[in-house]
Amino acid sequence: MKKQYDVLVIGPVSLDHNIDYEGHERKEVGGAVVASGFAAAKSGNRTALFTKLDPADADVEARFAGSGADLYWAPSRHTCSIRNQYLTADKERRICTSMGVCDPFRFEELPDVDAAIYHFAGLVYGDFDGPLFEEASRHGKVAVDVQCLLRHVEPDKSMGFHDWADKRKYLPCIDYLKTDAAEAEILTGLTDRAEAAKLLYSWGAKEVLITHNTEVLAYDGKQIYTCPIKARNLSGRTGRGDTTFAGYITERQRAGIEQALLYCTALVSLKMETPGPFQGSRQDVLDYIKQFY
């Protein structure tokens, strides 16, 4: 019998070089799969992770030690590496430079497990493609953070954001779609987040989550839901969207939209107060909800 998981988080780790607006540099093994994997597992979900890297670049087992998730990985010719230079104290503006790109992911590489959700947590265009989502949708629910479909590595290694050409074809494969406000505008041309969510739903995404520095918005084709972010500081801003999305999609398996939105917004508010992936517990998030919501 195959191992059963609530979620399989899929994506490359990244050798991150994070430089704050004062010039302080922090190097770490990060990436969406790290923030999402810790958030899902620490929230009490049976979590599996699948990542790819050049094993000479980092000790992937050590990076996920203590996460509570089961780790599966495969070698890549190159490890994803990104230099993030933040321009403001709130980390809302940054310059990203690619220092390495992981090999693309293929469905046949994934671990042979039963997963309720396939969470695609990529970093740049080319990590995943539409047929991968299509195949995953035959095995479980599909959750996609659209960042990796819009963020392209340009010839000069800078990062540029471009619309997803195949969005109309593959959005119907996606049960949970996550964007931030800027990405939603690139996809839809709309600055109004609620209207952007409605348009993305009309194109086929079954539930849409849009993050903003003030709130998180969810839409299921019937009602717009929002919940405010209440972080007391932003020292752990990196990984905000990944933490939110992992918290939302896993909580949706046991709760309605409103409750899942409350949980994931409290989770990310708490996580943003400390650098690195979420290291707390589900009870910590519930306590945070009682105190601040």
Foldseek 3Di string as FASTA:
>chain_A
DFAEWQEEEEEAWAQEWEAEQVGDTDTDTGFLQFQLQLLQQQAPTAYEYEYEAACVVDDVCVSCPLSNYHYDYDYWPHGWYKYWYANDQLSPDTWIFTPIDTAADDQVRDDPHQYQEYEYGYAAARNYDLVRLVVVLVRHAYEYECNRQFWHQDPVRTTGGAERPCLLVRLQSHAEYEYEQVNLCRHPVDNPPVVSQLVSVVSHHQKYWYHDQFWIWIDRNPDIDIDGADAPHQCAVPNLRSSLRSQQVSVVVPDPNNVSRLQSSLRSSVRRNDHDHDNHHSVVSVVSSVVPD
